[in-house]
N, C-alpha and C. Protein backbone atom coordinates (compact mmCIF):
# COMPACT_ATOMS: atom_id res chain seq x y z
N MET A 1 14.46 -24.24 53.10
CA MET A 1 14.12 -24.67 51.44
C MET A 1 12.54 -24.95 50.80
N PHE A 2 12.05 -25.66 51.85
CA PHE A 2 10.31 -25.66 51.75
C PHE A 2 9.74 -24.45 51.76
N ILE A 3 9.84 -23.44 52.95
CA ILE A 3 9.15 -22.51 52.31
C ILE A 3 9.23 -21.60 51.45
N ILE A 4 10.87 -21.26 51.32
CA ILE A 4 11.16 -20.46 50.03
C ILE A 4 10.68 -21.37 48.92
N THR A 5 10.49 -22.48 48.69
CA THR A 5 9.95 -23.03 47.21
C THR A 5 8.61 -22.97 47.39
N HIS A 6 7.99 -23.34 48.38
CA HIS A 6 6.19 -23.21 48.50
C HIS A 6 6.16 -21.73 47.89
N SER A 7 6.41 -20.52 48.57
CA SER A 7 6.42 -19.41 48.42
C SER A 7 6.71 -18.92 46.91
N GLY A 8 7.80 -19.38 46.41
CA GLY A 8 7.85 -19.34 45.19
C GLY A 8 6.63 -19.65 43.93
N LEU A 9 6.33 -21.06 44.50
CA LEU A 9 4.99 -21.76 43.73
C LEU A 9 3.75 -20.98 43.74
N ALA A 10 3.42 -20.47 45.01
CA ALA A 10 2.50 -19.47 45.43
C ALA A 10 2.36 -18.74 44.65
N MET A 11 3.85 -17.81 44.38
CA MET A 11 3.68 -16.65 43.60
C MET A 11 3.78 -16.69 42.05
N VAL A 12 4.15 -17.98 41.69
CA VAL A 12 3.92 -18.30 40.33
C VAL A 12 2.66 -18.63 40.08
N GLY A 13 2.01 -19.11 40.75
CA GLY A 13 0.35 -20.06 40.94
C GLY A 13 -0.82 -18.39 40.95
N LEU A 14 -0.09 -17.37 41.92
CA LEU A 14 -0.92 -16.59 41.75
C LEU A 14 -0.91 -15.11 40.67
N THR A 15 0.36 -15.39 40.17
CA THR A 15 0.78 -14.53 39.10
C THR A 15 -0.45 -15.13 37.79
N ALA A 16 -0.24 -16.39 37.64
CA ALA A 16 -0.84 -17.35 36.51
C ALA A 16 -2.65 -16.75 36.58
N VAL A 17 -3.10 -16.87 37.73
CA VAL A 17 -4.22 -16.45 38.48
C VAL A 17 -4.70 -15.40 37.33
N SER A 18 -3.70 -14.53 38.48
CA SER A 18 -3.89 -13.10 37.88
C SER A 18 -3.83 -12.44 36.28
N LEU A 19 -3.01 -13.16 35.86
CA LEU A 19 -2.95 -13.26 34.49
C LEU A 19 -4.20 -13.66 33.36
N GLY A 20 -4.57 -14.70 33.68
CA GLY A 20 -5.60 -15.41 33.44
C GLY A 20 -6.62 -14.80 33.52
N LEU A 21 -6.88 -14.24 34.92
CA LEU A 21 -8.76 -13.42 35.12
C LEU A 21 -8.33 -11.84 34.25
N ALA A 22 -7.12 -11.42 34.19
CA ALA A 22 -6.93 -9.76 33.70
C ALA A 22 -7.23 -10.33 31.74
N LEU A 23 -6.92 -11.39 31.28
CA LEU A 23 -7.02 -11.77 29.94
C LEU A 23 -8.35 -12.44 29.85
N TRP A 24 -8.92 -12.91 30.73
CA TRP A 24 -10.64 -13.16 30.81
C TRP A 24 -11.65 -11.98 30.94
N LEU A 25 -10.92 -10.90 31.48
CA LEU A 25 -11.46 -9.46 31.71
C LEU A 25 -11.82 -8.65 30.42
N ASN A 26 -10.51 -8.94 29.83
CA ASN A 26 -10.05 -7.62 29.08
C ASN A 26 -9.93 -8.96 27.60
N PRO A 27 -11.08 -8.97 26.87
CA PRO A 27 -11.16 -9.92 25.46
C PRO A 27 -10.11 -9.25 24.45
N GLN A 28 -10.09 -8.14 24.66
CA GLN A 28 -8.99 -7.45 23.28
C GLN A 28 -7.25 -7.98 23.72
N TRP A 29 -7.40 -7.75 24.87
CA TRP A 29 -5.72 -8.43 25.45
C TRP A 29 -5.76 -9.95 25.26
N LEU A 30 -6.80 -10.63 25.24
CA LEU A 30 -6.46 -12.29 25.54
C LEU A 30 -6.32 -12.33 23.62
N HIS A 31 -7.19 -11.49 23.00
CA HIS A 31 -6.87 -11.64 21.24
C HIS A 31 -5.55 -11.39 20.96
N SER A 32 -4.93 -10.47 21.64
CA SER A 32 -3.75 -9.55 21.24
C SER A 32 -2.34 -11.07 21.35
N ALA A 33 -3.14 -11.52 22.66
CA ALA A 33 -1.97 -12.60 23.51
C ALA A 33 -2.18 -13.84 22.25
N GLU A 34 -2.86 -13.97 22.24
CA GLU A 34 -3.10 -15.25 21.26
C GLU A 34 -2.81 -15.11 20.01
N GLY A 35 -2.43 -13.64 19.58
CA GLY A 35 -1.80 -13.45 18.13
C GLY A 35 -0.48 -13.58 18.33
N GLU A 36 -0.01 -13.25 19.39
CA GLU A 36 1.32 -12.99 19.87
C GLU A 36 1.99 -14.29 19.80
N MET A 37 1.18 -15.55 20.15
CA MET A 37 1.56 -16.93 20.67
C MET A 37 1.51 -17.66 19.29
N PHE A 38 0.69 -17.28 18.25
CA PHE A 38 0.72 -17.64 17.29
C PHE A 38 1.79 -17.49 16.34
N ASN A 39 1.86 -15.93 16.50
CA ASN A 39 3.45 -15.84 15.77
C ASN A 39 4.01 -16.42 16.14
N TRP A 40 4.60 -16.63 17.24
CA TRP A 40 5.85 -17.22 18.13
C TRP A 40 5.78 -18.55 17.80
N LEU A 41 4.83 -19.31 17.50
CA LEU A 41 4.46 -20.78 17.53
C LEU A 41 5.01 -20.69 15.41
N ARG A 42 4.40 -19.82 14.58
CA ARG A 42 4.52 -19.93 13.03
C ARG A 42 6.16 -19.81 13.17
N GLU A 43 6.96 -18.59 13.65
CA GLU A 43 8.00 -18.44 13.46
C GLU A 43 9.44 -19.50 13.55
N ARG A 44 8.27 -20.66 14.60
CA ARG A 44 9.35 -21.60 15.05
C ARG A 44 8.89 -22.64 14.70
N ARG A 45 7.93 -22.60 13.51
CA ARG A 45 7.21 -24.11 12.88
C ARG A 45 6.85 -24.93 13.80
N VAL A 46 6.16 -24.32 15.14
CA VAL A 46 6.16 -25.58 15.68
C VAL A 46 4.60 -26.04 15.64
N LEU A 47 4.28 -27.33 15.59
CA LEU A 47 3.19 -27.88 14.80
C LEU A 47 2.56 -27.12 13.91
N PHE A 48 3.76 -27.41 12.72
CA PHE A 48 3.35 -26.27 11.73
C PHE A 48 1.87 -27.20 10.52
N ALA A 49 1.56 -28.02 10.66
CA ALA A 49 0.69 -28.84 10.22
C ALA A 49 -0.39 -28.19 10.43
N TRP A 50 -0.71 -28.50 11.51
CA TRP A 50 -2.18 -27.56 12.47
C TRP A 50 -2.24 -26.31 12.65
N LEU A 51 -1.32 -25.14 12.22
CA LEU A 51 -0.95 -24.22 12.28
C LEU A 51 -0.40 -23.15 11.05
N PRO A 52 -0.49 -23.24 10.18
CA PRO A 52 -0.06 -22.76 8.84
C PRO A 52 -0.24 -21.12 9.08
N GLU A 53 0.69 -20.73 8.34
CA GLU A 53 0.41 -19.17 8.54
C GLU A 53 -0.07 -18.48 7.31
N ASN A 54 -0.87 -17.39 8.09
CA ASN A 54 -2.09 -16.95 7.74
C ASN A 54 -1.29 -15.70 6.53
N THR A 55 -1.10 -15.87 5.45
CA THR A 55 -0.27 -15.12 4.34
C THR A 55 -1.09 -13.68 3.91
N ALA A 56 -2.50 -14.10 4.36
CA ALA A 56 -3.68 -12.94 3.89
C ALA A 56 -3.41 -11.52 4.95
N GLU A 57 -2.29 -11.90 6.04
CA GLU A 57 -1.88 -10.89 6.49
C GLU A 57 -1.57 -9.57 5.64
N ARG A 58 -0.57 -10.55 4.94
CA ARG A 58 0.56 -9.70 4.02
C ARG A 58 0.04 -9.30 2.87
N ALA A 59 -1.26 -10.00 2.15
CA ALA A 59 -1.71 -9.20 1.12
C ALA A 59 -2.01 -7.86 1.14
N THR A 60 -1.66 -6.90 0.10
CA THR A 60 -2.13 -5.64 -0.25
C THR A 60 -3.33 -5.45 -0.99
N ALA A 61 -3.99 -5.98 0.06
CA ALA A 61 -5.68 -5.73 -0.48
C ALA A 61 -6.87 -5.30 0.91
N LEU A 62 -7.64 -5.14 0.45
CA LEU A 62 -8.93 -4.34 1.50
C LEU A 62 -9.78 -4.57 0.84
N ASN A 63 -11.06 -5.13 1.92
CA ASN A 63 -12.48 -5.16 1.48
C ASN A 63 -12.98 -3.78 1.20
N LEU A 64 -13.85 -3.78 -0.13
CA LEU A 64 -14.25 -2.90 -0.61
C LEU A 64 -15.27 -1.97 0.61
N GLN A 65 -15.93 -2.59 1.98
CA GLN A 65 -16.84 -2.62 2.42
C GLN A 65 -16.28 -1.85 3.79
N GLU A 66 -14.93 -1.62 3.51
CA GLU A 66 -13.72 -0.75 4.77
C GLU A 66 -13.63 0.58 4.08
N LEU A 67 -13.98 0.85 2.86
CA LEU A 67 -13.66 1.84 2.15
C LEU A 67 -15.09 3.01 2.58
N PRO A 68 -14.68 4.56 2.49
CA PRO A 68 -15.80 5.69 2.70
C PRO A 68 -16.51 5.16 0.57
N PRO A 69 -17.49 5.34 0.95
CA PRO A 69 -18.27 5.15 -0.91
C PRO A 69 -17.98 5.55 -1.87
N SER A 70 -17.23 6.84 -1.90
CA SER A 70 -16.61 7.33 -2.81
C SER A 70 -15.27 6.71 -3.11
N GLN A 71 -14.43 6.42 -2.53
CA GLN A 71 -13.48 5.14 -2.63
C GLN A 71 -13.50 4.06 -3.17
N ALA A 72 -14.57 3.41 -2.33
CA ALA A 72 -15.17 2.21 -2.77
C ALA A 72 -15.49 2.32 -4.22
N ALA A 73 -16.07 3.03 -4.86
CA ALA A 73 -16.67 3.55 -6.43
C ALA A 73 -15.40 3.72 -7.05
N VAL A 74 -14.40 4.43 -6.68
CA VAL A 74 -13.02 4.33 -7.38
C VAL A 74 -12.23 3.21 -7.72
N ALA A 75 -12.17 2.50 -6.49
CA ALA A 75 -11.67 0.97 -6.71
C ALA A 75 -12.59 0.16 -7.75
N GLU A 76 -13.90 0.07 -7.67
CA GLU A 76 -14.79 -0.90 -8.31
C GLU A 76 -14.62 -0.45 -9.83
N TRP A 77 -14.65 1.01 -9.99
CA TRP A 77 -14.40 1.49 -11.21
C TRP A 77 -12.90 1.20 -12.16
N LEU A 78 -12.15 1.36 -11.28
CA LEU A 78 -10.55 0.93 -11.84
C LEU A 78 -10.63 -0.51 -12.28
N GLY A 79 -11.14 -1.32 -11.38
CA GLY A 79 -10.94 -2.83 -11.47
C GLY A 79 -11.89 -3.20 -12.64
N ARG A 80 -13.18 -2.63 -12.89
CA ARG A 80 -13.83 -2.79 -14.52
C ARG A 80 -12.67 -2.50 -15.54
N LYS A 81 -12.45 -1.15 -15.16
CA LYS A 81 -11.42 -0.52 -16.66
C LYS A 81 -10.14 -1.33 -17.04
N TYR A 82 -9.48 -1.72 -16.02
CA TYR A 82 -8.41 -1.94 -16.29
C TYR A 82 -8.21 -3.56 -15.86
N LYS A 83 -9.29 -4.24 -15.60
CA LYS A 83 -9.41 -5.65 -15.29
C LYS A 83 -8.19 -6.32 -14.42
N VAL A 84 -8.92 -5.68 -13.05
CA VAL A 84 -8.10 -5.95 -11.85
C VAL A 84 -8.75 -6.10 -10.64
N ALA A 85 -8.26 -6.87 -9.55
CA ALA A 85 -9.03 -7.30 -8.44
C ALA A 85 -9.23 -5.82 -7.84
N PRO A 86 -10.67 -5.84 -7.11
CA PRO A 86 -11.15 -4.40 -6.76
C PRO A 86 -10.51 -4.55 -5.13
N GLU A 87 -10.03 -5.10 -5.07
CA GLU A 87 -9.47 -5.29 -3.25
C GLU A 87 -7.90 -5.08 -3.33
N PRO A 88 -7.11 -5.47 -4.08
CA PRO A 88 -5.88 -4.80 -4.08
C PRO A 88 -5.79 -3.13 -4.45
N LEU A 89 -7.05 -2.93 -5.20
CA LEU A 89 -6.76 -1.59 -5.96
C LEU A 89 -7.70 -0.54 -4.93
N ALA A 90 -8.60 -1.06 -3.69
CA ALA A 90 -8.93 -0.62 -2.87
C ALA A 90 -7.46 -0.10 -2.18
N ALA A 91 -6.85 -1.12 -1.36
CA ALA A 91 -5.79 -0.62 -0.86
C ALA A 91 -4.71 0.58 -1.42
N LEU A 92 -4.92 0.43 -2.92
CA LEU A 92 -4.05 1.51 -3.53
C LEU A 92 -4.84 2.83 -3.00
N VAL A 93 -6.22 2.97 -3.42
CA VAL A 93 -6.88 4.34 -2.99
C VAL A 93 -6.74 4.81 -1.89
N VAL A 94 -6.77 3.83 -1.09
CA VAL A 94 -6.43 4.14 0.40
C VAL A 94 -5.46 5.23 0.56
N GLU A 95 -4.18 4.25 0.17
CA GLU A 95 -2.72 4.84 0.15
C GLU A 95 -2.45 6.35 -0.25
N SER A 96 -3.10 6.06 -1.73
CA SER A 96 -3.28 7.43 -2.37
C SER A 96 -3.75 8.40 -1.89
N HIS A 97 -4.96 8.40 -0.80
CA HIS A 97 -5.38 9.70 -0.12
C HIS A 97 -4.39 9.66 1.32
N VAL A 98 -3.55 8.78 1.53
CA VAL A 98 -2.83 8.88 2.96
C VAL A 98 -1.67 9.98 1.98
N LEU A 99 -1.02 9.61 0.70
CA LEU A 99 0.20 10.38 0.55
C LEU A 99 -0.32 11.66 -0.15
N SER A 100 -1.65 11.99 -0.40
CA SER A 100 -2.28 13.03 -0.63
C SER A 100 -2.16 13.87 0.14
N LYS A 101 -2.02 13.76 1.31
CA LYS A 101 -2.08 14.76 2.84
C LYS A 101 -0.55 14.99 2.83
N LYS A 102 0.09 14.24 2.31
CA LYS A 102 1.97 14.47 2.61
C LYS A 102 1.88 15.14 1.72
N THR A 103 1.94 15.42 0.32
CA THR A 103 2.57 15.42 -0.82
C THR A 103 1.68 17.05 -1.37
N LYS A 104 0.42 16.87 -1.27
CA LYS A 104 -0.48 17.91 -1.50
C LYS A 104 -1.04 17.86 -3.22
N LEU A 105 -0.78 16.37 -3.45
CA LEU A 105 -1.00 15.88 -4.97
C LEU A 105 -2.52 15.40 -4.41
N ALA A 106 -3.00 15.78 -5.22
CA ALA A 106 -4.55 15.04 -5.53
C ALA A 106 -4.58 13.53 -5.38
N PRO A 107 -5.57 12.44 -4.96
CA PRO A 107 -5.30 11.66 -4.76
C PRO A 107 -5.64 10.86 -5.95
N HIS A 108 -6.37 11.63 -7.19
CA HIS A 108 -7.38 10.84 -8.27
C HIS A 108 -6.19 11.23 -8.87
N PHE A 109 -5.17 12.09 -8.86
CA PHE A 109 -4.07 12.52 -9.77
C PHE A 109 -3.07 11.56 -9.42
N ILE A 110 -2.98 11.01 -8.72
CA ILE A 110 -1.41 9.80 -8.07
C ILE A 110 -2.71 8.47 -8.79
N LEU A 111 -3.53 8.13 -8.83
CA LEU A 111 -4.38 6.78 -9.30
C LEU A 111 -4.12 7.00 -10.75
N ALA A 112 -4.72 8.08 -11.41
CA ALA A 112 -4.34 8.16 -13.14
C ALA A 112 -2.76 8.21 -13.28
N VAL A 113 -1.95 9.05 -12.86
CA VAL A 113 -0.66 8.25 -13.09
C VAL A 113 -0.08 7.16 -12.94
N MET A 114 -0.73 6.35 -12.14
CA MET A 114 -0.49 4.87 -12.18
C MET A 114 -1.27 4.12 -12.96
N ALA A 115 -2.20 4.11 -13.22
CA ALA A 115 -3.15 3.94 -14.46
C ALA A 115 -2.49 4.39 -15.86
N ILE A 116 -2.06 5.66 -15.96
CA ILE A 116 -1.50 5.51 -17.44
C ILE A 116 -0.40 4.89 -17.78
N GLU A 117 0.76 4.91 -16.45
CA GLU A 117 2.17 4.25 -16.31
C GLU A 117 2.24 2.90 -16.20
N SER A 118 0.87 2.09 -15.91
CA SER A 118 1.31 0.52 -15.92
C SER A 118 -0.01 -0.39 -15.77
N ASN A 119 -1.23 0.67 -15.75
CA ASN A 119 -2.85 -0.08 -16.14
C ASN A 119 -2.47 -0.96 -14.46
N PHE A 120 -2.08 -0.43 -13.21
CA PHE A 120 -1.97 -1.22 -12.20
C PHE A 120 -2.00 -2.68 -12.55
N HIS A 121 -0.65 -2.68 -12.94
CA HIS A 121 0.21 -4.50 -13.08
C HIS A 121 1.78 -3.93 -12.34
N PRO A 122 1.66 -4.48 -11.23
CA PRO A 122 2.78 -3.97 -10.30
C PRO A 122 3.93 -4.32 -10.83
N TYR A 123 3.68 -5.62 -11.78
CA TYR A 123 5.60 -6.35 -12.27
C TYR A 123 5.57 -5.89 -13.50
N VAL A 124 5.30 -4.91 -14.02
CA VAL A 124 5.74 -4.28 -15.01
C VAL A 124 6.82 -3.94 -15.24
N GLN A 125 7.49 -4.19 -16.66
CA GLN A 125 8.83 -3.26 -17.02
C GLN A 125 9.06 -2.78 -17.93
N SER A 126 9.21 -1.85 -18.28
CA SER A 126 9.68 -0.93 -19.69
C SER A 126 11.05 -1.57 -20.32
N GLN A 127 10.92 -1.18 -21.47
CA GLN A 127 12.45 -1.50 -22.25
C GLN A 127 13.53 -0.62 -21.52
N ALA A 128 13.26 1.00 -20.76
CA ALA A 128 14.09 1.47 -20.40
C ALA A 128 14.75 1.13 -19.12
N GLY A 129 13.86 0.22 -18.34
CA GLY A 129 13.79 -0.50 -16.95
C GLY A 129 13.25 0.26 -15.60
N ALA A 130 12.28 1.08 -16.20
CA ALA A 130 11.43 1.38 -15.13
C ALA A 130 10.21 0.36 -14.96
N GLN A 131 10.16 0.37 -13.67
CA GLN A 131 9.69 -1.02 -13.15
C GLN A 131 8.47 -0.51 -11.58
N GLY A 132 7.33 -1.43 -12.17
CA GLY A 132 6.01 -1.46 -10.73
C GLY A 132 5.39 -0.37 -11.26
N LEU A 133 4.32 -0.38 -10.40
CA LEU A 133 2.50 0.73 -10.79
C LEU A 133 3.15 1.80 -10.89
N MET A 134 4.32 2.42 -10.38
CA MET A 134 4.54 4.06 -11.15
C MET A 134 5.65 4.20 -11.95
N GLN A 135 6.33 3.08 -12.18
CA GLN A 135 7.15 2.81 -13.53
C GLN A 135 8.42 3.74 -13.22
N VAL A 136 8.74 2.98 -11.57
CA VAL A 136 10.20 4.05 -11.27
C VAL A 136 11.39 3.56 -11.88
N MET A 137 12.16 4.23 -12.17
CA MET A 137 13.72 3.84 -12.49
C MET A 137 14.48 3.44 -11.51
N THR A 138 14.54 2.25 -11.22
CA THR A 138 14.55 1.77 -9.84
C THR A 138 16.35 2.20 -9.55
N ASP A 139 17.03 1.85 -11.03
CA ASP A 139 18.38 1.77 -11.03
C ASP A 139 19.03 3.29 -10.31
N ILE A 140 18.10 4.49 -10.90
CA ILE A 140 18.29 5.56 -10.53
C ILE A 140 17.86 5.93 -8.95
N HIS A 141 16.99 5.38 -8.61
CA HIS A 141 16.14 5.96 -7.38
C HIS A 141 16.17 4.93 -6.50
N VAL A 142 17.28 3.96 -6.66
CA VAL A 142 17.49 2.75 -5.65
C VAL A 142 17.79 3.28 -4.47
N LYS A 143 18.04 4.29 -3.81
CA LYS A 143 18.62 4.87 -2.40
C LYS A 143 17.12 5.29 -1.58
N ARG A 144 15.88 5.56 -2.85
CA ARG A 144 14.89 5.94 -2.46
C ARG A 144 14.01 4.46 -1.48
N TYR A 145 14.49 3.12 -2.26
CA TYR A 145 14.00 1.99 -1.44
C TYR A 145 14.50 1.59 -0.49
N GLU A 146 15.43 2.14 0.08
CA GLU A 146 16.57 1.91 1.02
C GLU A 146 15.63 1.72 2.45
N ALA A 147 14.69 2.49 2.30
CA ALA A 147 13.65 2.59 3.58
C ALA A 147 12.76 1.60 3.75
N TYR A 148 12.77 0.72 2.72
CA TYR A 148 11.43 -0.59 2.35
C TYR A 148 12.27 -1.75 2.25
N GLY A 149 13.55 -2.17 2.34
CA GLY A 149 14.28 -3.07 2.44
C GLY A 149 15.32 -3.22 1.30
N GLY A 150 15.11 -2.54 0.09
CA GLY A 150 16.40 -2.73 -0.71
C GLY A 150 15.52 -2.47 -2.19
N ARG A 151 16.20 -2.57 -3.33
CA ARG A 151 15.67 -2.66 -4.70
C ARG A 151 14.50 -3.59 -5.15
N LEU A 152 14.61 -4.62 -4.35
CA LEU A 152 13.73 -5.72 -4.69
C LEU A 152 11.78 -4.81 -4.54
N ALA A 153 12.23 -4.01 -3.43
CA ALA A 153 10.67 -3.62 -2.84
C ALA A 153 10.01 -2.80 -4.08
N ALA A 154 10.92 -2.82 -5.01
CA ALA A 154 9.95 -1.95 -6.18
C ALA A 154 8.59 -2.54 -6.58
N PHE A 155 8.94 -4.07 -6.72
CA PHE A 155 7.63 -5.06 -6.84
C PHE A 155 6.82 -5.21 -5.86
N ASP A 156 7.09 -4.38 -4.92
CA ASP A 156 5.97 -4.38 -3.39
C ASP A 156 5.05 -2.85 -3.99
N PRO A 157 3.79 -3.35 -4.32
CA PRO A 157 2.72 -2.37 -4.98
C PRO A 157 2.67 -1.05 -4.31
N ILE A 158 2.87 -0.69 -2.45
CA ILE A 158 2.48 0.32 -1.79
C ILE A 158 3.85 0.78 -1.53
N SER A 159 5.33 0.31 -1.49
CA SER A 159 6.26 0.72 -1.62
C SER A 159 6.82 1.58 -3.20
N ASN A 160 6.51 0.62 -4.19
CA ASN A 160 6.56 1.17 -5.34
C ASN A 160 5.73 2.55 -5.63
N LEU A 161 4.40 2.19 -4.88
CA LEU A 161 4.17 3.50 -4.99
C LEU A 161 4.09 4.95 -4.63
N ARG A 162 4.75 4.72 -3.38
CA ARG A 162 4.92 5.74 -2.21
C ARG A 162 6.59 6.39 -2.81
N VAL A 163 7.33 5.44 -3.19
CA VAL A 163 8.36 5.90 -4.02
C VAL A 163 7.93 6.68 -5.51
N GLY A 164 7.19 6.16 -5.94
CA GLY A 164 6.77 6.91 -7.20
C GLY A 164 6.37 8.23 -7.05
N VAL A 165 5.44 8.55 -5.79
CA VAL A 165 5.13 9.82 -5.54
C VAL A 165 6.02 10.46 -5.09
N ALA A 166 6.81 10.17 -4.34
CA ALA A 166 8.18 11.08 -3.74
C ALA A 166 8.96 11.44 -4.92
N VAL A 167 9.28 11.11 -5.82
CA VAL A 167 9.67 11.41 -7.35
C VAL A 167 8.98 12.07 -8.22
N LEU A 168 7.76 12.03 -8.07
CA LEU A 168 6.61 12.83 -9.11
C LEU A 168 6.86 14.40 -7.99
N SER A 169 6.23 14.15 -6.79
CA SER A 169 6.21 15.15 -6.13
C SER A 169 7.89 16.25 -6.03
N ASP A 170 8.26 15.54 -6.07
CA ASP A 170 9.93 16.29 -6.05
C ASP A 170 9.80 17.09 -7.51
N ALA A 171 9.56 16.36 -8.43
CA ALA A 171 9.58 16.84 -10.27
C ALA A 171 8.68 18.06 -10.19
N ILE A 172 7.95 17.94 -9.88
CA ILE A 172 6.59 19.45 -9.78
C ILE A 172 7.21 20.28 -9.43
N LYS A 173 7.88 19.99 -7.95
CA LYS A 173 8.82 21.21 -7.14
C LYS A 173 9.49 21.85 -8.09
N MET A 174 10.46 21.08 -8.75
CA MET A 174 11.55 21.16 -9.40
C MET A 174 11.05 22.18 -10.66
N ARG A 175 9.94 22.36 -11.21
CA ARG A 175 9.06 22.76 -11.98
C ARG A 175 8.10 24.03 -11.56
N ASP A 176 8.54 24.37 -10.50
CA ASP A 176 7.69 25.52 -10.07
C ASP A 176 6.64 25.12 -9.56
N GLY A 177 6.39 23.77 -9.23
CA GLY A 177 4.89 23.53 -8.98
C GLY A 177 3.84 23.28 -9.94
N SER A 178 4.66 23.36 -11.10
CA SER A 178 3.63 22.86 -12.69
C SER A 178 3.48 21.46 -12.46
N GLN A 179 1.98 20.73 -12.84
CA GLN A 179 1.85 19.63 -12.66
C GLN A 179 2.17 19.07 -14.10
N GLU A 180 1.91 19.90 -14.83
CA GLU A 180 2.22 19.43 -16.49
C GLU A 180 3.93 19.44 -16.75
N GLU A 181 4.35 20.18 -16.26
CA GLU A 181 5.55 19.95 -16.87
C GLU A 181 6.60 19.13 -15.42
N GLY A 182 6.16 18.97 -14.27
CA GLY A 182 6.13 17.99 -13.63
C GLY A 182 5.96 16.55 -14.20
N LEU A 183 4.94 16.27 -14.98
CA LEU A 183 5.15 15.07 -15.37
C LEU A 183 5.55 15.03 -16.31
N LYS A 184 5.88 15.74 -17.16
CA LYS A 184 7.06 15.70 -18.56
C LYS A 184 8.48 15.65 -18.05
N PHE A 185 8.78 15.90 -16.80
CA PHE A 185 9.86 15.60 -16.20
C PHE A 185 9.85 14.11 -15.51
N TYR A 186 8.82 13.63 -15.11
CA TYR A 186 8.78 12.50 -14.54
C TYR A 186 8.65 11.40 -15.40
N LEU A 187 8.32 11.93 -16.60
CA LEU A 187 8.25 10.69 -17.63
C LEU A 187 9.52 10.85 -18.59
N GLY A 188 10.16 11.68 -18.95
CA GLY A 188 11.34 11.47 -19.68
C GLY A 188 12.42 12.37 -18.81
N GLY A 189 12.43 12.88 -18.21
CA GLY A 189 13.80 13.70 -17.62
C GLY A 189 13.91 15.13 -18.33
N TYR A 190 15.23 15.98 -18.36
CA TYR A 190 15.36 16.84 -19.17
C TYR A 190 15.42 16.74 -20.33
N GLY A 191 15.83 15.37 -20.94
CA GLY A 191 16.01 15.51 -22.51
C GLY A 191 14.42 15.14 -23.22
N LEU A 192 13.54 15.12 -22.46
CA LEU A 192 11.96 14.78 -23.24
C LEU A 192 11.76 16.17 -24.04
N THR A 193 11.39 16.14 -25.17
CA THR A 193 10.87 16.97 -25.75
C THR A 193 9.37 16.81 -26.31
N GLU A 194 8.89 15.53 -26.93
CA GLU A 194 7.61 15.22 -26.87
C GLU A 194 7.19 13.83 -25.96
N ASP A 195 5.62 14.30 -25.54
CA ASP A 195 5.43 13.33 -24.20
C ASP A 195 4.12 12.23 -24.99
N GLY A 196 4.02 12.54 -26.04
CA GLY A 196 2.77 11.30 -26.74
C GLY A 196 1.85 11.70 -26.47
N GLY A 197 1.21 12.72 -25.67
CA GLY A 197 -0.15 12.77 -25.06
C GLY A 197 -0.16 12.59 -23.85
N TYR A 198 1.00 12.30 -23.18
CA TYR A 198 1.05 11.54 -21.46
C TYR A 198 0.06 12.60 -20.83
N VAL A 199 0.46 13.69 -20.47
CA VAL A 199 0.10 14.69 -19.61
C VAL A 199 -1.44 14.73 -20.44
N ALA A 200 -1.83 14.68 -21.28
CA ALA A 200 -3.15 14.92 -21.43
C ALA A 200 -4.07 13.64 -20.95
N LYS A 201 -3.44 12.15 -21.06
CA LYS A 201 -4.06 11.14 -20.70
C LYS A 201 -4.17 11.10 -19.21
N VAL A 202 -2.81 11.70 -18.42
CA VAL A 202 -2.84 11.65 -17.16
C VAL A 202 -4.22 12.68 -16.15
N PHE A 203 -4.28 13.59 -17.02
CA PHE A 203 -5.38 14.65 -16.62
C PHE A 203 -6.89 14.11 -16.95
N ALA A 204 -7.25 13.53 -17.92
CA ALA A 204 -8.28 12.49 -18.69
C ALA A 204 -8.72 11.87 -17.85
N GLU A 205 -8.07 11.05 -17.19
CA GLU A 205 -8.00 9.99 -16.53
C GLU A 205 -8.73 10.27 -14.95
N GLN A 206 -7.47 11.49 -14.47
CA GLN A 206 -8.18 12.20 -12.97
C GLN A 206 -9.35 12.67 -13.18
N ALA A 207 -9.81 13.60 -14.56
CA ALA A 207 -11.20 14.19 -14.38
C ALA A 207 -12.31 12.78 -14.47
N GLN A 208 -12.12 11.65 -15.11
CA GLN A 208 -13.15 10.48 -14.97
C GLN A 208 -13.22 9.98 -13.22
N LEU A 209 -11.83 9.87 -12.80
CA LEU A 209 -12.11 9.54 -11.37
C LEU A 209 -12.62 10.53 -10.56
N ASP A 210 -12.77 11.69 -10.95
CA ASP A 210 -13.22 12.79 -10.03
C ASP A 210 -14.65 12.67 -10.27
N GLN A 211 -15.52 12.35 -11.46
CA GLN A 211 -16.55 11.35 -11.74
C GLN A 211 -16.96 10.86 -10.91
N VAL A 212 -16.50 9.56 -11.01
CA VAL A 212 -16.76 8.35 -10.09
C VAL A 212 -17.09 8.44 -8.67
N ALA A 213 -15.91 9.47 -8.50
CA ALA A 213 -15.90 9.74 -6.74
C ALA A 213 -17.25 10.86 -6.31
N ALA A 214 -17.61 11.54 -7.01
CA ALA A 214 -18.64 12.47 -7.16
C ALA A 214 -20.09 11.47 -7.33
N GLY A 215 -20.31 10.09 -7.84
CA GLY A 215 -21.63 9.44 -8.11
C GLY A 215 -21.78 9.10 -9.52
N LYS A 216 -20.83 10.00 -10.88
CA LYS A 216 -21.41 9.22 -11.74
C LYS A 216 -20.46 8.00 -12.25
N LYS A 217 -21.08 7.43 -13.58
CA LYS A 217 -20.28 6.49 -13.99
C LYS A 217 -20.17 6.38 -15.33
N PRO A 218 -19.39 7.42 -15.65
CA PRO A 218 -18.44 7.34 -16.84
C PRO A 218 -17.64 5.91 -17.40
N PRO A 219 -18.10 5.82 -18.73
CA PRO A 219 -17.61 4.52 -19.55
C PRO A 219 -16.40 3.94 -19.44
N VAL A 220 -15.92 2.95 -19.00
CA VAL A 220 -14.62 2.13 -19.11
C VAL A 220 -13.95 2.36 -19.92
N GLN A 221 -14.61 2.45 -21.25
CA GLN A 221 -13.87 2.26 -22.23
C GLN A 221 -12.65 3.42 -22.78
């Protein structure tokens, strides 16, 4: 029993020393291990008084310095025009470029639709029930939100953006690739007869964003 116990404790000690040495030699592993430990403690509310949750990790926002200069300029310009903080706009700008690669829709086209639909306010709701940044009809497209946790994801900026772009992309495909007709369908479905200048506003906004990305400074009014 003594030999077995002694050997077992020796193995535990050797393992602990080896693990500690490996973490010390690789700071990235150490940082990752610390993060996992802190998350474990937070989830169990252990010593919560001195280990509060870092909710900034959940914020839909990015520092402008993390973006390419053209994207940062777009986020800053949109912030001035719509009186919205540029950091959350930066996250939307980056996501629009990601979605652009998937849908073949220009990122500034996506941003322009958001601008006209909601002025970049993620909690706005229309009288018809359209919700969020892209003013998606949640009741109609509720199944699309299942992948993001359910209908309340309509108020999560990134989830709403992704669902809205998917709906818009499908609308354009249904209209033989015509962005004009796709936008009209996105706005009012089959029953739309007059868009009230909606399509022209989207394209005008896109043109301004193209100018901003190219280094120009169009007025924000």
